[in-house]
């Protein structure tokens, strides 16, 4: 039996459960903003702590830049959630989340794509 524990495993299960709930209800084909609003409702109903459109400060050589990133969600004060609604993810989507992590003190980001059909 593998007893390996993943970073924020319980929190991720709850977040992913909410995402599946939204996808099961809406399916694919909506704009990202629709999924974001629906996910906000699911997070609230599940009593998951979250902030929508969370402004993330970017630092360079110890100084905060005027430009900022905006994560679709930050859940549990430590997990960045980036939503997409496209046919498939591309490397730029992954880079976006990795840049969010690099520019902040966050250790985990989830890239969620609602654009693929249910199988």
PDB file of N, CA and C in Angstrom:
ATOM      1  N   UNK A   1       0.840  -1.187   0.000  1.00  0.00           N
ATOM      2  CA  UNK A   1       0.000   0.000   0.000  1.00  0.00           C
ATOM      3  C   UNK A   1       0.881   1.245   0.000  1.00  0.00           C
ATOM      4  N   UNK A   2       0.606   2.143  -0.921  1.00  0.00           N
ATOM      5  CA  UNK A   2       1.384   3.376  -1.041  1.00  0.00           C
ATOM      6  C   UNK A   2       0.819   4.399  -0.067  1.00  0.00           C
ATOM      7  N   UNK A   3       1.655   4.877   0.817  1.00  0.00           N
ATOM      8  CA  UNK A   3       1.203   5.855   1.810  1.00  0.00           C
ATOM      9  C   UNK A   3       1.710   7.253   1.497  1.00  0.00           C
ATOM     10  N   UNK A   4       2.155   7.456   0.244  1.00  0.00           N
ATOM     11  CA  UNK A   4       2.652   8.772  -0.140  1.00  0.00           C
ATOM     12  C   UNK A   4       1.546   9.808  -0.011  1.00  0.00           C
ATOM     13  N   UNK A   5       1.874  10.915   0.596  1.00  0.00           N
ATOM     14  CA  UNK A   5       0.932  12.018   0.792  1.00  0.00           C
ATOM     15  C   UNK A   5       1.324  13.137  -0.157  1.00  0.00           C
ATOM     16  N   UNK A   6       0.345  13.665  -0.868  1.00  0.00           N
ATOM     17  CA  UNK A   6       0.583  14.771  -1.784  1.00  0.00           C
ATOM     18  C   UNK A   6       0.318  16.093  -1.087  1.00  0.00           C
ATOM     19  N   UNK A   7       0.925  17.147  -1.584  1.00  0.00           N
ATOM     20  CA  UNK A   7       0.758  18.477  -1.034  1.00  0.00           C
ATOM     21  C   UNK A   7      -0.708  18.887  -1.105  1.00  0.00           C
ATOM     22  N   UNK A   8      -1.280  19.261   0.029  1.00  0.00           N
ATOM     23  CA  UNK A   8      -2.666  19.722   0.128  1.00  0.00           C
ATOM     24  C   UNK A   8      -3.653  18.714  -0.479  1.00  0.00           C
ATOM     25  N   UNK A   9      -3.414  17.453  -0.231  1.00  0.00           N
ATOM     26  CA  UNK A   9      -4.214  16.390  -0.851  1.00  0.00           C
ATOM     27  C   UNK A   9      -5.706  16.508  -0.535  1.00  0.00           C
ATOM     28  N   UNK A  10      -6.055  16.697   0.715  1.00  0.00           N
ATOM     29  CA  UNK A  10      -7.472  16.788   1.089  1.00  0.00           C
ATOM     30  C   UNK A  10      -8.142  18.002   0.454  1.00  0.00           C
ATOM     31  N   UNK A  11      -7.447  19.117   0.465  1.00  0.00           N
ATOM     32  CA  UNK A  11      -7.989  20.327  -0.137  1.00  0.00           C
ATOM     33  C   UNK A  11      -8.194  20.150  -1.640  1.00  0.00           C
ATOM     34  N   UNK A  12      -7.218  19.519  -2.293  1.00  0.00           N
ATOM     35  CA  UNK A  12      -7.323  19.284  -3.740  1.00  0.00           C
ATOM     36  C   UNK A  12      -8.497  18.370  -4.076  1.00  0.00           C
ATOM     37  N   UNK A  13      -8.711  17.361  -3.262  1.00  0.00           N
ATOM     38  CA  UNK A  13      -9.860  16.471  -3.501  1.00  0.00           C
ATOM     39  C   UNK A  13     -11.170  17.253  -3.466  1.00  0.00           C
ATOM     40  N   UNK A  14     -11.277  18.170  -2.531  1.00  0.00           N
ATOM     41  CA  UNK A  14     -12.496  18.979  -2.420  1.00  0.00           C
ATOM     42  C   UNK A  14     -12.648  19.912  -3.622  1.00  0.00           C
ATOM     43  N   UNK A  15     -11.557  20.544  -4.023  1.00  0.00           N
ATOM     44  CA  UNK A  15     -11.590  21.450  -5.175  1.00  0.00           C
ATOM     45  C   UNK A  15     -11.955  20.687  -6.441  1.00  0.00           C
ATOM     46  N   UNK A  16     -11.301  19.568  -6.656  1.00  0.00           N
ATOM     47  CA  UNK A  16     -11.561  18.769  -7.860  1.00  0.00           C
ATOM     48  C   UNK A  16     -12.981  18.220  -7.833  1.00  0.00           C
ATOM     49  N   UNK A  17     -13.476  17.859  -6.655  1.00  0.00           N
ATOM     50  CA  UNK A  17     -14.865  17.412  -6.534  1.00  0.00           C
ATOM     51  C   UNK A  17     -15.840  18.498  -6.969  1.00  0.00           C
ATOM     52  N   UNK A  18     -15.563  19.733  -6.567  1.00  0.00           N
ATOM     53  CA  UNK A  18     -16.413  20.856  -6.982  1.00  0.00           C
ATOM     54  C   UNK A  18     -16.336  21.055  -8.494  1.00  0.00           C
ATOM     55  N   UNK A  19     -15.158  20.893  -9.061  1.00  0.00           N
ATOM     56  CA  UNK A  19     -14.995  21.033 -10.512  1.00  0.00           C
ATOM     57  C   UNK A  19     -15.776  19.959 -11.265  1.00  0.00           C
ATOM     58  N   UNK A  20     -15.727  18.734 -10.780  1.00  0.00           N
ATOM     59  CA  UNK A  20     -16.496  17.659 -11.410  1.00  0.00           C
ATOM     60  C   UNK A  20     -17.991  17.931 -11.304  1.00  0.00           C
ATOM     61  N   UNK A  21     -18.406  18.467 -10.172  1.00  0.00           N
ATOM     62  CA  UNK A  21     -19.815  18.811  -9.994  1.00  0.00           C
ATOM     63  C   UNK A  21     -20.266  19.814 -11.053  1.00  0.00           C
ATOM     64  N   UNK A  22     -19.464  20.832 -11.278  1.00  0.00           N
ATOM     65  CA  UNK A  22     -19.778  21.842 -12.293  1.00  0.00           C
ATOM     66  C   UNK A  22     -19.786  21.217 -13.679  1.00  0.00           C
ATOM     67  N   UNK A  23     -18.769  20.430 -13.988  1.00  0.00           N
ATOM     68  CA  UNK A  23     -18.686  19.824 -15.313  1.00  0.00           C
ATOM     69  C   UNK A  23     -19.818  18.834 -15.555  1.00  0.00           C
ATOM     70  N   UNK A  24     -20.177  18.083 -14.544  1.00  0.00           N
ATOM     71  CA  UNK A  24     -21.294  17.141 -14.690  1.00  0.00           C
ATOM     72  C   UNK A  24     -22.608  17.863 -14.946  1.00  0.00           C
ATOM     73  N   UNK A  25     -22.778  19.011 -14.350  1.00  0.00           N
ATOM     74  CA  UNK A  25     -24.016  19.783 -14.506  1.00  0.00           C
ATOM     75  C   UNK A  25     -24.055  20.549 -15.824  1.00  0.00           C
ATOM     76  N   UNK A  26     -22.947  21.217 -16.174  1.00  0.00           N
ATOM     77  CA  UNK A  26     -22.944  22.083 -17.353  1.00  0.00           C
ATOM     78  C   UNK A  26     -22.399  21.428 -18.618  1.00  0.00           C
ATOM     79  N   UNK A  27     -21.558  20.406 -18.444  1.00  0.00           N
ATOM     80  CA  UNK A  27     -20.913  19.826 -19.620  1.00  0.00           C
ATOM     81  C   UNK A  27     -19.879  20.783 -20.175  1.00  0.00           C
ATOM     82  N   UNK A  28     -19.606  20.648 -21.473  1.00  0.00           N
ATOM     83  CA  UNK A  28     -18.614  21.531 -22.104  1.00  0.00           C
ATOM     84  C   UNK A  28     -19.321  22.484 -23.064  1.00  0.00           C
ATOM     85  N   UNK A  29     -18.606  23.507 -23.494  1.00  0.00           N
ATOM     86  CA  UNK A  29     -19.142  24.412 -24.497  1.00  0.00           C
ATOM     87  C   UNK A  29     -19.421  25.821 -24.021  1.00  0.00           C
ATOM     88  N   UNK A  30     -19.365  26.060 -22.721  1.00  0.00           N
ATOM     89  CA  UNK A  30     -19.597  27.407 -22.200  1.00  0.00           C
ATOM     90  C   UNK A  30     -18.287  28.184 -22.158  1.00  0.00           C
ATOM     91  N   UNK A  31     -18.401  29.477 -21.988  1.00  0.00           N
ATOM     92  CA  UNK A  31     -17.226  30.321 -21.817  1.00  0.00           C
ATOM     93  C   UNK A  31     -16.629  30.102 -20.424  1.00  0.00           C
ATOM     94  N   UNK A  32     -15.369  30.420 -20.306  1.00  0.00           N
ATOM     95  CA  UNK A  32     -14.667  30.267 -19.026  1.00  0.00           C
ATOM     96  C   UNK A  32     -15.383  31.008 -17.902  1.00  0.00           C
ATOM     97  N   UNK A  33     -15.898  32.193 -18.189  1.00  0.00           N
ATOM     98  CA  UNK A  33     -16.574  33.004 -17.165  1.00  0.00           C
ATOM     99  C   UNK A  33     -17.791  32.287 -16.584  1.00  0.00           C
ATOM    100  N   UNK A  34     -18.469  31.498 -17.390  1.00  0.00           N
ATOM    101  CA  UNK A  34     -19.630  30.736 -16.909  1.00  0.00           C
ATOM    102  C   UNK A  34     -19.171  29.676 -15.912  1.00  0.00           C
ATOM    103  N   UNK A  35     -18.124  28.963 -16.247  1.00  0.00           N
ATOM    104  CA  UNK A  35     -17.600  27.941 -15.335  1.00  0.00           C
ATOM    105  C   UNK A  35     -17.069  28.578 -14.057  1.00  0.00           C
ATOM    106  N   UNK A  36     -16.468  29.743 -14.176  1.00  0.00           N
ATOM    107  CA  UNK A  36     -15.945  30.422 -12.993  1.00  0.00           C
ATOM    108  C   UNK A  36     -17.086  30.801 -12.047  1.00  0.00           C
ATOM    109  N   UNK A  37     -18.161  31.319 -12.605  1.00  0.00           N
ATOM    110  CA  UNK A  37     -19.301  31.689 -11.765  1.00  0.00           C
ATOM    111  C   UNK A  37     -19.938  30.454 -11.127  1.00  0.00           C
ATOM    112  N   UNK A  38     -20.108  29.400 -11.920  1.00  0.00           N
ATOM    113  CA  UNK A  38     -20.685  28.161 -11.391  1.00  0.00           C
ATOM    114  C   UNK A  38     -19.792  27.562 -10.306  1.00  0.00           C
ATOM    115  N   UNK A  39     -18.491  27.609 -10.515  1.00  0.00           N
ATOM    116  CA  UNK A  39     -17.565  27.060  -9.520  1.00  0.00           C
ATOM    117  C   UNK A  39     -17.614  27.865  -8.223  1.00  0.00           C
ATOM    118  N   UNK A  40     -17.802  29.171  -8.341  1.00  0.00           N
ATOM    119  CA  UNK A  40     -17.972  29.996  -7.136  1.00  0.00           C
ATOM    120  C   UNK A  40     -19.166  29.520  -6.322  1.00  0.00           C
ATOM    121  N   UNK A  41     -20.236  29.199  -7.011  1.00  0.00           N
ATOM    122  CA  UNK A  41     -21.442  28.703  -6.332  1.00  0.00           C
ATOM    123  C   UNK A  41     -21.141  27.374  -5.645  1.00  0.00           C
ATOM    124  N   UNK A  42     -20.482  26.465  -6.360  1.00  0.00           N
ATOM    125  CA  UNK A  42     -20.150  25.160  -5.763  1.00  0.00           C
ATOM    126  C   UNK A  42     -19.224  25.312  -4.568  1.00  0.00           C
ATOM    127  N   UNK A  43     -18.203  26.160  -4.697  1.00  0.00           N
ATOM    128  CA  UNK A  43     -17.299  26.394  -3.569  1.00  0.00           C
ATOM    129  C   UNK A  43     -18.079  26.909  -2.360  1.00  0.00           C
ATOM    130  N   UNK A  44     -18.977  27.843  -2.582  1.00  0.00           N
ATOM    131  CA  UNK A  44     -19.774  28.406  -1.480  1.00  0.00           C
ATOM    132  C   UNK A  44     -20.660  27.344  -0.849  1.00  0.00           C
ATOM    133  N   UNK A  45     -21.330  26.552  -1.681  1.00  0.00           N
ATOM    134  CA  UNK A  45     -22.218  25.510  -1.163  1.00  0.00           C
ATOM    135  C   UNK A  45     -21.456  24.448  -0.387  1.00  0.00           C
ATOM    136  N   UNK A  46     -20.207  24.211  -0.778  1.00  0.00           N
ATOM    137  CA  UNK A  46     -19.380  23.210  -0.099  1.00  0.00           C
ATOM    138  C   UNK A  46     -18.588  23.826   1.056  1.00  0.00           C
ATOM    139  N   UNK A  47     -18.792  25.123   1.311  1.00  0.00           N
ATOM    140  CA  UNK A  47     -18.069  25.838   2.360  1.00  0.00           C
ATOM    141  C   UNK A  47     -16.554  25.770   2.197  1.00  0.00           C
ATOM    142  N   UNK A  48     -16.096  25.846   0.927  1.00  0.00           N
ATOM    143  CA  UNK A  48     -14.661  25.871   0.660  1.00  0.00           C
ATOM    144  C   UNK A  48     -14.194  27.321   0.655  1.00  0.00           C
ATOM    145  N   UNK A  49     -13.153  27.631   1.390  1.00  0.00           N
ATOM    146  CA  UNK A  49     -12.653  29.007   1.395  1.00  0.00           C
ATOM    147  C   UNK A  49     -11.985  29.330   0.062  1.00  0.00           C
ATOM    148  N   UNK A  50     -12.411  30.448  -0.546  1.00  0.00           N
ATOM    149  CA  UNK A  50     -11.847  30.826  -1.840  1.00  0.00           C
ATOM    150  C   UNK A  50     -11.934  32.331  -2.034  1.00  0.00           C
ATOM    151  N   UNK A  51     -11.085  32.813  -2.914  1.00  0.00           N
ATOM    152  CA  UNK A  51     -11.147  34.191  -3.391  1.00  0.00           C
ATOM    153  C   UNK A  51     -11.146  34.120  -4.913  1.00  0.00           C
ATOM    154  N   UNK A  52     -12.051  34.846  -5.531  1.00  0.00           N
ATOM    155  CA  UNK A  52     -12.158  34.871  -6.984  1.00  0.00           C
ATOM    156  C   UNK A  52     -11.388  36.064  -7.538  1.00  0.00           C
ATOM    157  N   UNK A  53     -10.765  35.864  -8.714  1.00  0.00           N
ATOM    158  CA  UNK A  53      -9.986  36.929  -9.358  1.00  0.00           C
ATOM    159  C   UNK A  53      -8.964  37.521  -8.381  1.00  0.00           C
ATOM    160  N   UNK A  54      -8.259  36.655  -7.712  1.00  0.00           N
ATOM    161  CA  UNK A  54      -7.289  37.050  -6.691  1.00  0.00           C
ATOM    162  C   UNK A  54      -6.064  37.709  -7.330  1.00  0.00           C
ATOM    163  N   UNK A  55      -5.782  38.925  -6.891  1.00  0.00           N
ATOM    164  CA  UNK A  55      -4.619  39.652  -7.383  1.00  0.00           C
ATOM    165  C   UNK A  55      -3.361  39.076  -6.748  1.00  0.00           C
ATOM    166  N   UNK A  56      -2.400  38.712  -7.581  1.00  0.00           N
ATOM    167  CA  UNK A  56      -1.148  38.137  -7.107  1.00  0.00           C
ATOM    168  C   UNK A  56      -0.008  39.090  -7.420  1.00  0.00           C
ATOM    169  N   UNK A  57       0.681  39.508  -6.409  1.00  0.00           N
ATOM    170  CA  UNK A  57       1.818  40.417  -6.585  1.00  0.00           C
ATOM    171  C   UNK A  57       2.980  39.671  -7.230  1.00  0.00           C
ATOM    172  N   UNK A  58       3.723  40.389  -8.060  1.00  0.00           N
ATOM    173  CA  UNK A  58       4.907  39.844  -8.712  1.00  0.00           C
ATOM    174  C   UNK A  58       6.118  40.603  -8.175  1.00  0.00           C
ATOM    175  N   UNK A  59       7.164  39.854  -7.858  1.00  0.00           N
ATOM    176  CA  UNK A  59       8.371  40.470  -7.313  1.00  0.00           C
ATOM    177  C   UNK A  59       9.554  40.222  -8.232  1.00  0.00           C
ATOM    178  N   UNK A  60      10.411  41.218  -8.304  1.00  0.00           N
ATOM    179  CA  UNK A  60      11.657  41.116  -9.063  1.00  0.00           C
ATOM    180  C   UNK A  60      12.761  41.693  -8.194  1.00  0.00           C
ATOM    181  N   UNK A  61      13.746  40.860  -7.902  1.00  0.00           N
ATOM    182  CA  UNK A  61      14.879  41.270  -7.061  1.00  0.00           C
ATOM    183  C   UNK A  61      14.401  41.926  -5.772  1.00  0.00           C
ATOM    184  N   UNK A  62      13.396  41.328  -5.187  1.00  0.00           N
ATOM    185  CA  UNK A  62      12.892  41.790  -3.898  1.00  0.00           C
ATOM    186  C   UNK A  62      11.942  42.966  -3.961  1.00  0.00           C
ATOM    187  N   UNK A  63      11.678  43.491  -5.136  1.00  0.00           N
ATOM    188  CA  UNK A  63      10.773  44.627  -5.255  1.00  0.00           C
ATOM    189  C   UNK A  63       9.482  44.205  -5.956  1.00  0.00           C
ATOM    190  N   UNK A  64       8.378  44.703  -5.425  1.00  0.00           N
ATOM    191  CA  UNK A  64       7.088  44.391  -6.027  1.00  0.00           C
ATOM    192  C   UNK A  64       6.903  45.211  -7.301  1.00  0.00           C
ATOM    193  N   UNK A  65       6.527  44.532  -8.361  1.00  0.00           N
ATOM    194  CA  UNK A  65       6.277  45.199  -9.634  1.00  0.00           C
ATOM    195  C   UNK A  65       4.881  45.807  -9.643  1.00  0.00           C
ATOM    196  N   UNK A  66       4.675  46.794 -10.500  1.00  0.00           N
ATOM    197  CA  UNK A  66       3.348  47.399 -10.640  1.00  0.00           C
ATOM    198  C   UNK A  66       2.379  46.441 -11.314  1.00  0.00           C
ATOM    199  N   UNK A  67       2.870  45.618 -12.222  1.00  0.00           N
ATOM    200  CA  UNK A  67       2.025  44.636 -12.899  1.00  0.00           C
ATOM    201  C   UNK A  67       1.692  43.509 -11.932  1.00  0.00           C
ATOM    202  N   UNK A  68       0.521  42.947 -12.109  1.00  0.00           N
ATOM    203  CA  UNK A  68       0.079  41.840 -11.252  1.00  0.00           C
ATOM    204  C   UNK A  68      -0.534  40.746 -12.104  1.00  0.00           C
ATOM    205  N   UNK A  69      -0.552  39.557 -11.561  1.00  0.00           N
ATOM    206  CA  UNK A  69      -1.309  38.453 -12.137  1.00  0.00           C
ATOM    207  C   UNK A  69      -2.645  38.404 -11.416  1.00  0.00           C
ATOM    208  N   UNK A  70      -3.630  37.849 -12.070  1.00  0.00           N
ATOM    209  CA  UNK A  70      -4.930  37.614 -11.443  1.00  0.00           C
ATOM    210  C   UNK A  70      -5.286  36.144 -11.624  1.00  0.00           C
ATOM    211  N   UNK A  71      -5.241  35.413 -10.538  1.00  0.00           N
ATOM    212  CA  UNK A  71      -5.615  34.005 -10.579  1.00  0.00           C
ATOM    213  C   UNK A  71      -7.135  33.907 -10.582  1.00  0.00           C
ATOM    214  N   UNK A  72      -7.659  32.951 -11.314  1.00  0.00           N
ATOM    215  CA  UNK A  72      -9.119  32.774 -11.329  1.00  0.00           C
ATOM    216  C   UNK A  72      -9.631  32.553  -9.908  1.00  0.00           C
ATOM    217  N   UNK A  73      -8.926  31.719  -9.154  1.00  0.00           N
ATOM    218  CA  UNK A  73      -9.264  31.470  -7.756  1.00  0.00           C
ATOM    219  C   UNK A  73      -8.004  31.217  -6.958  1.00  0.00           C
ATOM    220  N   UNK A  74      -8.065  31.540  -5.695  1.00  0.00           N
ATOM    221  CA  UNK A  74      -7.131  31.021  -4.707  1.00  0.00           C
ATOM    222  C   UNK A  74      -8.003  30.374  -3.645  1.00  0.00           C
ATOM    223  N   UNK A  75      -7.767  29.089  -3.414  1.00  0.00           N
ATOM    224  CA  UNK A  75      -8.557  28.331  -2.440  1.00  0.00           C
ATOM    225  C   UNK A  75      -7.690  27.979  -1.237  1.00  0.00           C
ATOM    226  N   UNK A  76      -8.320  27.981  -0.082  1.00  0.00           N
ATOM    227  CA  UNK A  76      -7.644  27.623   1.168  1.00  0.00           C
ATOM    228  C   UNK A  76      -6.424  28.513   1.420  1.00  0.00           C
ATOM    229  N   UNK A  77      -6.388  29.691   0.848  1.00  0.00           N
ATOM    230  CA  UNK A  77      -5.290  30.651   1.005  1.00  0.00           C
ATOM    231  C   UNK A  77      -3.944  30.152   0.497  1.00  0.00           C
ATOM    232  N   UNK A  78      -3.920  28.990  -0.208  1.00  0.00           N
ATOM    233  CA  UNK A  78      -2.615  28.494  -0.630  1.00  0.00           C
ATOM    234  C   UNK A  78      -2.605  27.694  -1.936  1.00  0.00           C
ATOM    235  N   UNK A  79      -3.735  27.591  -2.623  1.00  0.00           N
ATOM    236  CA  UNK A  79      -3.787  26.838  -3.878  1.00  0.00           C
ATOM    237  C   UNK A  79      -4.334  27.748  -4.972  1.00  0.00           C
ATOM    238  N   UNK A  80      -3.548  27.931  -6.027  1.00  0.00           N
ATOM    239  CA  UNK A  80      -3.981  28.732  -7.166  1.00  0.00           C
ATOM    240  C   UNK A  80      -4.778  27.839  -8.109  1.00  0.00           C
ATOM    241  N   UNK A  81      -5.921  28.345  -8.551  1.00  0.00           N
ATOM    242  CA  UNK A  81      -6.750  27.620  -9.518  1.00  0.00           C
ATOM    243  C   UNK A  81      -6.837  28.469 -10.779  1.00  0.00           C
ATOM    244  N   UNK A  82      -6.436  27.899 -11.902  1.00  0.00           N
ATOM    245  CA  UNK A  82      -6.544  28.574 -13.193  1.00  0.00           C
ATOM    246  C   UNK A  82      -7.497  27.760 -14.059  1.00  0.00           C
ATOM    247  N   UNK A  83      -8.552  28.408 -14.531  1.00  0.00           N
ATOM    248  CA  UNK A  83      -9.570  27.744 -15.337  1.00  0.00           C
ATOM    249  C   UNK A  83      -9.353  28.010 -16.817  1.00  0.00           C
ATOM    250  N   UNK A  84      -9.703  27.025 -17.603  1.00  0.00           N
ATOM    251  CA  UNK A  84      -9.723  27.148 -19.054  1.00  0.00           C
ATOM    252  C   UNK A  84     -11.011  26.488 -19.555  1.00  0.00           C
ATOM    253  N   UNK A  85     -11.430  26.899 -20.736  1.00  0.00           N
ATOM    254  CA  UNK A  85     -12.581  26.288 -21.404  1.00  0.00           C
ATOM    255  C   UNK A  85     -12.218  26.177 -22.875  1.00  0.00           C
ATOM    256  N   UNK A  86     -11.323  25.259 -23.168  1.00  0.00           N
ATOM    257  CA  UNK A  86     -10.818  25.114 -24.533  1.00  0.00           C
ATOM    258  C   UNK A  86     -10.741  23.632 -24.887  1.00  0.00           C
ATOM    259  N   UNK A  87     -10.599  23.367 -26.180  1.00  0.00           N
ATOM    260  CA  UNK A  87     -10.589  21.986 -26.639  1.00  0.00           C
ATOM    261  C   UNK A  87      -9.445  21.181 -26.039  1.00  0.00           C
ATOM    262  N   UNK A  88      -8.322  21.825 -25.847  1.00  0.00           N
ATOM    263  CA  UNK A  88      -7.180  21.147 -25.258  1.00  0.00           C
ATOM    264  C   UNK A  88      -6.205  22.150 -24.677  1.00  0.00           C
ATOM    265  N   UNK A  89      -5.500  21.728 -23.665  1.00  0.00           N
ATOM    266  CA  UNK A  89      -4.502  22.597 -23.042  1.00  0.00           C
ATOM    267  C   UNK A  89      -3.237  22.615 -23.886  1.00  0.00           C
ATOM    268  N   UNK A  90      -2.569  23.744 -23.878  1.00  0.00           N
ATOM    269  CA  UNK A  90      -1.316  23.908 -24.612  1.00  0.00           C
ATOM    270  C   UNK A  90      -0.232  24.298 -23.610  1.00  0.00           C
ATOM    271  N   UNK A  91       1.025  24.206 -23.992  1.00  0.00           N
ATOM    272  CA  UNK A  91       2.103  24.525 -23.049  1.00  0.00           C
ATOM    273  C   UNK A  91       1.995  25.918 -22.426  1.00  0.00           C
ATOM    274  N   UNK A  92       1.423  26.867 -23.144  1.00  0.00           N
ATOM    275  CA  UNK A  92       1.281  28.222 -22.593  1.00  0.00           C
ATOM    276  C   UNK A  92       0.381  28.243 -21.366  1.00  0.00           C
ATOM    277  N   UNK A  93      -0.608  27.376 -21.321  1.00  0.00           N
ATOM    278  CA  UNK A  93      -1.494  27.302 -20.159  1.00  0.00           C
ATOM    279  C   UNK A  93      -0.713  26.819 -18.934  1.00  0.00           C
ATOM    280  N   UNK A  94       0.089  25.800 -19.143  1.00  0.00           N
ATOM    281  CA  UNK A  94       0.919  25.285 -18.053  1.00  0.00           C
ATOM    282  C   UNK A  94       1.916  26.358 -17.603  1.00  0.00           C
ATOM    283  N   UNK A  95       2.518  27.026 -18.579  1.00  0.00           N
ATOM    284  CA  UNK A  95       3.477  28.095 -18.258  1.00  0.00           C
ATOM    285  C   UNK A  95       2.828  29.193 -17.436  1.00  0.00           C
ATOM    286  N   UNK A  96       1.581  29.509 -17.745  1.00  0.00           N
ATOM    287  CA  UNK A  96       0.860  30.544 -16.998  1.00  0.00           C
ATOM    288  C   UNK A  96       0.799  30.184 -15.517  1.00  0.00           C
ATOM    289  N   UNK A  97       0.412  28.957 -15.219  1.00  0.00           N
ATOM    290  CA  UNK A  97       0.314  28.528 -13.819  1.00  0.00           C
ATOM    291  C   UNK A  97       1.693  28.469 -13.177  1.00  0.00           C
ATOM    292  N   UNK A  98       2.667  27.968 -13.906  1.00  0.00           N
ATOM    293  CA  UNK A  98       4.025  27.914 -13.355  1.00  0.00           C
ATOM    294  C   UNK A  98       4.559  29.316 -13.074  1.00  0.00           C
ATOM    295  N   UNK A  99       4.237  30.271 -13.929  1.00  0.00           N
ATOM    296  CA  UNK A  99       4.652  31.658 -13.678  1.00  0.00           C
ATOM    297  C   UNK A  99       3.964  32.225 -12.446  1.00  0.00           C
ATOM    298  N   UNK A 100       2.689  31.902 -12.256  1.00  0.00           N
ATOM    299  CA  UNK A 100       1.982  32.328 -11.044  1.00  0.00           C
ATOM    300  C   UNK A 100       2.716  31.810  -9.809  1.00  0.00           C
ATOM    301  N   UNK A 101       3.101  30.555  -9.853  1.00  0.00           N
ATOM    302  CA  UNK A 101       3.793  29.950  -8.716  1.00  0.00           C
ATOM    303  C   UNK A 101       5.170  30.579  -8.512  1.00  0.00           C
ATOM    304  N   UNK A 102       5.869  30.792  -9.608  1.00  0.00           N
ATOM    305  CA  UNK A 102       7.210  31.367  -9.544  1.00  0.00           C
ATOM    306  C   UNK A 102       7.192  32.782  -8.964  1.00  0.00           C
ATOM    307  N   UNK A 103       6.162  33.534  -9.291  1.00  0.00           N
ATOM    308  CA  UNK A 103       6.088  34.940  -8.874  1.00  0.00           C
ATOM    309  C   UNK A 103       5.534  35.118  -7.470  1.00  0.00           C
ATOM    310  N   UNK A 104       5.038  34.060  -6.884  1.00  0.00           N
ATOM    311  CA  UNK A 104       4.412  34.140  -5.567  1.00  0.00           C
ATOM    312  C   UNK A 104       5.064  33.134  -4.630  1.00  0.00           C
ATOM    313  N   UNK A 105       4.534  33.050  -3.420  1.00  0.00           N
ATOM    314  CA  UNK A 105       5.015  32.051  -2.461  1.00  0.00           C
ATOM    315  C   UNK A 105       4.158  30.787  -2.481  1.00  0.00           C
ATOM    316  N   UNK A 106       3.236  30.698  -3.418  1.00  0.00           N
ATOM    317  CA  UNK A 106       2.378  29.518  -3.495  1.00  0.00           C
ATOM    318  C   UNK A 106       3.182  28.315  -3.979  1.00  0.00           C
ATOM    319  N   UNK A 107       2.801  27.143  -3.491  1.00  0.00           N
ATOM    320  CA  UNK A 107       3.507  25.911  -3.834  1.00  0.00           C
ATOM    321  C   UNK A 107       2.714  25.016  -4.787  1.00  0.00           C
ATOM    322  N   UNK A 108       1.414  25.309  -4.959  1.00  0.00           N
ATOM    323  CA  UNK A 108       0.573  24.427  -5.771  1.00  0.00           C
ATOM    324  C   UNK A 108      -0.415  25.228  -6.591  1.00  0.00           C
ATOM    325  N   UNK A 109      -0.526  24.855  -7.853  1.00  0.00           N
ATOM    326  CA  UNK A 109      -1.522  25.434  -8.739  1.00  0.00           C
ATOM    327  C   UNK A 109      -2.227  24.317  -9.484  1.00  0.00           C
ATOM    328  N   UNK A 110      -3.527  24.449  -9.649  1.00  0.00           N
ATOM    329  CA  UNK A 110      -4.307  23.480 -10.409  1.00  0.00           C
ATOM    330  C   UNK A 110      -4.796  24.137 -11.690  1.00  0.00           C
ATOM    331  N   UNK A 111      -4.556  23.489 -12.801  1.00  0.00           N
ATOM    332  CA  UNK A 111      -5.010  23.947 -14.109  1.00  0.00           C
ATOM    333  C   UNK A 111      -6.191  23.074 -14.497  1.00  0.00           C
ATOM    334  N   UNK A 112      -7.375  23.677 -14.549  1.00  0.00           N
ATOM    335  CA  UNK A 112      -8.619  22.944 -14.772  1.00  0.00           C
ATOM    336  C   UNK A 112      -9.201  23.362 -16.119  1.00  0.00           C
ATOM    337  N   UNK A 113      -9.453  22.375 -16.984  1.00  0.00           N
ATOM    338  CA  UNK A 113     -10.036  22.651 -18.297  1.00  0.00           C
ATOM    339  C   UNK A 113     -11.447  22.079 -18.368  1.00  0.00           C
ATOM    340  N   UNK A 114     -12.422  22.969 -18.544  1.00  0.00           N
ATOM    341  CA  UNK A 114     -13.819  22.561 -18.677  1.00  0.00           C
ATOM    342  C   UNK A 114     -14.224  22.382 -20.137  1.00  0.00           C
ATOM    343  N   UNK A 115     -13.296  22.552 -21.067  1.00  0.00           N
ATOM    344  CA  UNK A 115     -13.641  22.557 -22.474  1.00  0.00           C
ATOM    345  C   UNK A 115     -13.743  21.206 -23.143  1.00  0.00           C
ATOM    346  N   UNK A 116     -13.340  20.158 -22.473  1.00  0.00           N
ATOM    347  CA  UNK A 116     -13.391  18.841 -23.116  1.00  0.00           C
ATOM    348  C   UNK A 116     -14.712  18.149 -22.801  1.00  0.00           C
ATOM    349  N   UNK A 117     -15.245  17.428 -23.777  1.00  0.00           N
ATOM    350  CA  UNK A 117     -16.516  16.732 -23.542  1.00  0.00           C
ATOM    351  C   UNK A 117     -16.390  15.637 -22.489  1.00  0.00           C
ATOM    352  N   UNK A 118     -17.513  15.376 -21.813  1.00  0.00           N
ATOM    353  CA  UNK A 118     -17.540  14.234 -20.885  1.00  0.00           C
ATOM    354  C   UNK A 118     -17.415  12.969 -21.720  1.00  0.00           C
ATOM    355  N   UNK A 119     -16.690  12.003 -21.201  1.00  0.00           N
ATOM    356  CA  UNK A 119     -16.501  10.745 -21.924  1.00  0.00           C
ATOM    357  C   UNK A 119     -17.364   9.678 -21.308  1.00  0.00           C
TER     358      UNK A 119
END
